[in-house]
Protein backbone atom coordinates (compact mmCIF):
# COMPACT_ATOMS: atom_id res chain seq x y z
CA MET A 1 0.02 119.69 74.46
CA LYS A 2 3.41 119.75 72.63
CA ARG A 3 1.78 118.98 69.34
CA LYS A 4 -1.03 121.46 69.89
CA THR A 5 1.69 124.16 70.53
CA SER A 6 3.55 123.27 67.37
CA THR A 7 0.41 123.30 65.26
CA ALA A 8 -0.54 126.56 66.58
CA ALA A 9 2.90 127.90 65.93
CA ILE A 10 2.69 126.70 62.31
CA ASP A 11 -0.71 128.22 61.83
CA ILE A 12 0.39 131.62 63.27
CA ALA A 13 3.50 131.72 61.14
CA TYR A 14 1.68 130.81 57.94
CA ILE A 15 -1.08 133.55 58.54
CA ILE A 16 1.54 136.24 59.22
CA LEU A 17 3.51 135.27 56.18
CA GLN A 18 0.38 135.01 53.91
CA ILE A 19 -0.76 138.55 55.12
CA ALA A 20 2.73 139.94 54.37
CA LEU A 21 2.57 138.40 50.99
CA ILE A 22 -0.80 139.85 50.18
CA ILE A 23 0.56 143.36 51.04
CA ALA A 24 3.70 142.79 49.11
CA PHE A 25 1.63 142.14 45.97
CA ILE A 26 0.05 145.62 46.12
CA PRO A 27 3.18 147.65 44.92
CA LYS A 28 3.66 145.22 42.00
CA LYS A 29 -0.04 145.59 41.04
CA MET A 30 -0.51 141.90 41.07
CA TYR A 31 -4.14 142.18 42.09
CA MET A 32 -5.15 138.71 40.94
CA SER A 33 -2.46 137.07 42.87
CA MET A 34 -3.49 139.25 45.86
CA ALA A 35 -7.02 138.16 45.61
CA ILE A 36 -6.30 134.45 45.24
CA SER A 37 -3.93 134.56 48.26
CA GLY A 38 -6.58 136.36 50.29
CA ALA A 39 -9.11 133.67 49.23
CA VAL A 40 -6.66 130.95 50.25
CA LEU A 41 -6.12 132.53 53.63
CA ILE A 42 -9.78 132.82 54.30
CA ILE A 43 -10.26 129.03 53.37
CA TYR A 44 -7.42 128.22 55.71
CA LEU A 45 -8.88 130.15 58.64
CA LEU A 46 -12.22 128.49 58.03
CA PHE A 47 -10.52 125.09 58.17
CA ILE A 48 -8.88 126.01 61.54
CA VAL A 49 -12.37 126.71 62.81
CA TYR A 50 -13.73 123.32 61.49
CA GLU A 51 -10.83 121.47 62.76
CA HIS A 52 -11.40 123.02 66.28
CA LYS A 53 -15.18 122.32 66.21
CA LYS A 54 -14.52 118.73 65.35
CA GLY A 55 -11.89 118.21 67.84
CA MET A 56 -9.29 116.83 65.27
CA ALA A 57 -5.88 117.84 63.96
CA VAL A 58 -4.33 117.08 60.57
CA THR A 59 -0.79 115.89 61.13
CA ASN A 60 1.81 118.67 61.10
CA SER A 61 3.66 116.98 58.16
CA ILE A 62 0.70 117.25 55.76
CA ARG A 63 -0.21 120.61 57.24
CA LEU A 64 3.33 121.90 56.24
CA ALA A 65 3.01 120.22 52.88
CA VAL A 66 -0.18 121.93 52.06
CA ILE A 67 1.25 125.31 53.31
CA PHE A 68 4.43 124.92 51.21
CA SER A 69 2.08 124.09 48.06
CA VAL A 70 -0.05 127.20 48.48
CA PHE A 71 2.65 129.59 49.83
CA GLY A 72 5.15 128.13 47.25
CA HIS A 73 2.71 128.88 44.45
CA SER A 74 2.11 132.39 45.59
CA PHE A 75 5.39 133.43 46.79
CA LEU A 76 8.11 131.42 44.79
CA GLY A 77 6.03 130.95 41.66
CA GLU A 78 4.15 134.19 41.22
CA TYR A 79 5.98 136.76 43.45
CA LEU A 80 9.60 135.59 42.53
CA ARG A 81 8.36 134.44 39.21
CA MET A 82 10.03 130.94 39.35
CA TYR A 83 7.48 129.60 37.05
CA ASN A 84 9.18 131.78 34.36
CA THR A 85 12.76 131.30 35.58
CA SER A 86 12.80 127.50 36.36
CA ASN A 87 11.92 124.46 34.12
CA TYR A 88 11.36 122.26 37.07
CA PHE A 89 9.67 124.25 39.84
CA ASP A 90 6.21 123.96 38.26
CA LYS A 91 6.55 120.24 37.84
CA LEU A 92 7.68 119.90 41.52
CA LEU A 93 4.87 121.91 42.70
CA HIS A 94 2.40 119.76 40.84
CA ILE A 95 3.75 116.54 42.55
CA ILE A 96 4.00 118.18 46.08
CA GLY A 97 0.56 120.00 45.58
CA THR A 98 -1.39 116.88 44.46
CA PHE A 99 0.28 114.84 47.19
CA SER A 100 -0.44 117.22 49.97
CA PHE A 101 -4.09 118.21 49.04
CA THR A 102 -5.01 114.60 48.35
CA ALA A 103 -3.41 113.35 51.70
CA PHE A 104 -5.17 116.36 53.37
CA ILE A 105 -8.60 115.39 52.12
CA PHE A 106 -7.93 111.73 52.94
CA LEU A 107 -7.11 112.56 56.64
CA ILE A 108 -10.27 114.54 57.02
CA THR A 109 -12.50 111.92 55.54
CA GLU A 110 -10.72 109.07 57.34
CA LYS A 111 -11.57 110.96 60.64
CA GLU A 112 -15.23 110.72 59.59
CA GLY A 113 -14.99 106.91 59.37
CA PHE A 114 -15.23 106.68 55.55
CA PHE A 115 -12.49 104.20 55.03
CA ILE A 116 -13.26 101.78 57.97
CA LYS A 117 -14.50 98.84 55.83
CA LEU A 118 -12.39 99.34 52.83
CA SER A 119 -9.32 97.22 52.07
CA ARG A 120 -5.92 98.70 51.44
CA PHE A 121 -6.27 98.28 47.77
CA MET A 122 -9.65 100.05 47.71
CA VAL A 123 -8.18 102.88 49.77
CA LEU A 124 -5.32 103.18 47.33
CA MET A 125 -7.63 103.29 44.38
CA PHE A 126 -9.88 105.94 45.96
CA VAL A 127 -6.82 108.20 46.84
CA LEU A 128 -5.34 107.66 43.44
CA PHE A 129 -8.61 108.64 41.60
CA LEU A 130 -9.12 111.55 44.13
CA GLY A 131 -5.56 112.97 43.45
CA SER A 132 -6.09 112.46 39.63
CA PHE A 133 -9.36 114.28 39.89
CA LEU A 134 -7.94 117.11 41.74
CA GLY A 135 -5.03 117.38 39.28
CA THR A 136 -7.52 117.39 36.37
CA VAL A 137 -9.60 120.25 38.19
CA PHE A 138 -6.48 122.21 38.54
CA GLU A 139 -5.61 121.91 34.94
CA ILE A 140 -9.09 122.86 33.89
CA GLY A 141 -8.83 125.88 36.17
CA GLU A 142 -5.61 127.06 34.46
CA PHE A 143 -7.21 126.74 31.07
CA ILE A 144 -10.22 128.81 32.16
CA ILE A 145 -7.90 131.47 33.57
CA ASP A 146 -5.82 131.57 30.38
CA VAL A 147 -9.05 131.89 28.24
CA ILE A 148 -10.62 134.60 30.34
CA PHE A 149 -7.45 136.79 31.37
CA LYS A 150 -5.27 135.93 28.31
CA THR A 151 -2.54 134.41 30.39
CA LEU A 152 -0.08 131.55 29.65
CA ASN A 153 -0.47 129.05 32.47
CA GLN A 154 -0.49 126.25 30.02
CA ASN A 155 2.11 125.92 27.25
CA GLY A 156 0.77 123.35 24.80
CA VAL A 157 -0.17 119.77 24.82
CA ALA A 158 3.18 118.36 25.99
CA ASP A 159 3.18 120.69 29.06
CA ASN A 160 -0.23 119.55 29.98
CA ASN A 161 0.60 115.91 29.65
CA ILE A 162 3.71 116.34 31.83
CA ASP A 163 1.63 118.17 34.45
CA MET A 164 -0.85 115.28 34.47
CA ILE A 165 2.04 112.77 34.92
CA CYS A 166 3.16 114.78 37.76
CA ASN A 167 -0.30 115.07 39.27
CA ILE A 168 -0.83 111.18 39.02
CA THR A 169 2.78 110.76 40.72
CA GLY A 170 1.62 112.98 43.59
CA ALA A 171 -1.63 110.97 43.82
CA PHE A 172 0.20 107.76 44.08
CA MET A 173 2.48 109.10 46.70
CA ALA A 174 -0.72 110.11 48.69
CA GLY A 175 -2.04 106.67 48.13
CA ILE A 176 1.06 105.07 49.61
CA TYR A 177 0.83 107.31 52.53
CA ALA A 178 -2.82 106.46 52.96
CA ILE A 179 -2.52 102.64 53.10
CA TYR A 180 0.33 102.67 55.73
CA PRO A 181 -1.30 104.27 58.66
CA LYS A 182 0.99 102.63 61.19
CA LYS A 183 3.73 104.92 59.80
CA ARG A 184 2.14 108.03 61.23
CA PRO A 185 -0.76 109.18 63.40
CA VAL A 186 -3.74 109.94 61.31
CA VAL A 187 -5.62 112.49 63.39
CA SER A 188 -5.61 113.51 66.94
CA ASN A 189 -8.63 114.41 69.29
CA LYS A 190 -8.99 117.09 71.80
CA ASN A 191 -7.16 115.16 74.51
CA GLY A 192 -4.20 114.60 72.27
CA SER A 193 -4.64 110.73 71.81
CA THR A 194 -4.22 109.48 68.23
CA ARG A 195 -6.17 107.08 66.08
CA HIS A 196 -4.47 104.91 63.43
């Protein structure tokens, strides 16, 4: 019950903050950022529904990491323009973002029993490749946005390579997280018990 309360508090706080940020984008005429933030909020709400129907709950630590990644991108990176004012913020967000989303997907697929017969090494490889794939998709997305909207999300080959290194670092961190399940509860069901 205590964990359900904390999870609900996290969800409500994020929803309120995300809505406030969407509204805050309007005076600045940051319509693309507003649209993306709105889409992210809808996806998060759909996940909450899915989570409830499945009777499972992603750990609060990974939940907070995912929220920091998406809200950090929109609020810190876009609204406060830390992408332009900091040389390290983008790289840090690549690491945290890849780690959080890879671990997030891992927890959901593990709940479905996908990894029951796999060795730790195979789990590590799967998660590492998954994180690297997600990082590559993100880089391709940045490229497409730059081409269509004439933005500058990517700043040359060196920047792309550093981003990929950060993505792989985040993926490796998620892999380590995945192969040591005794360190944390993976998911919990409706009666509050956990499965490792």
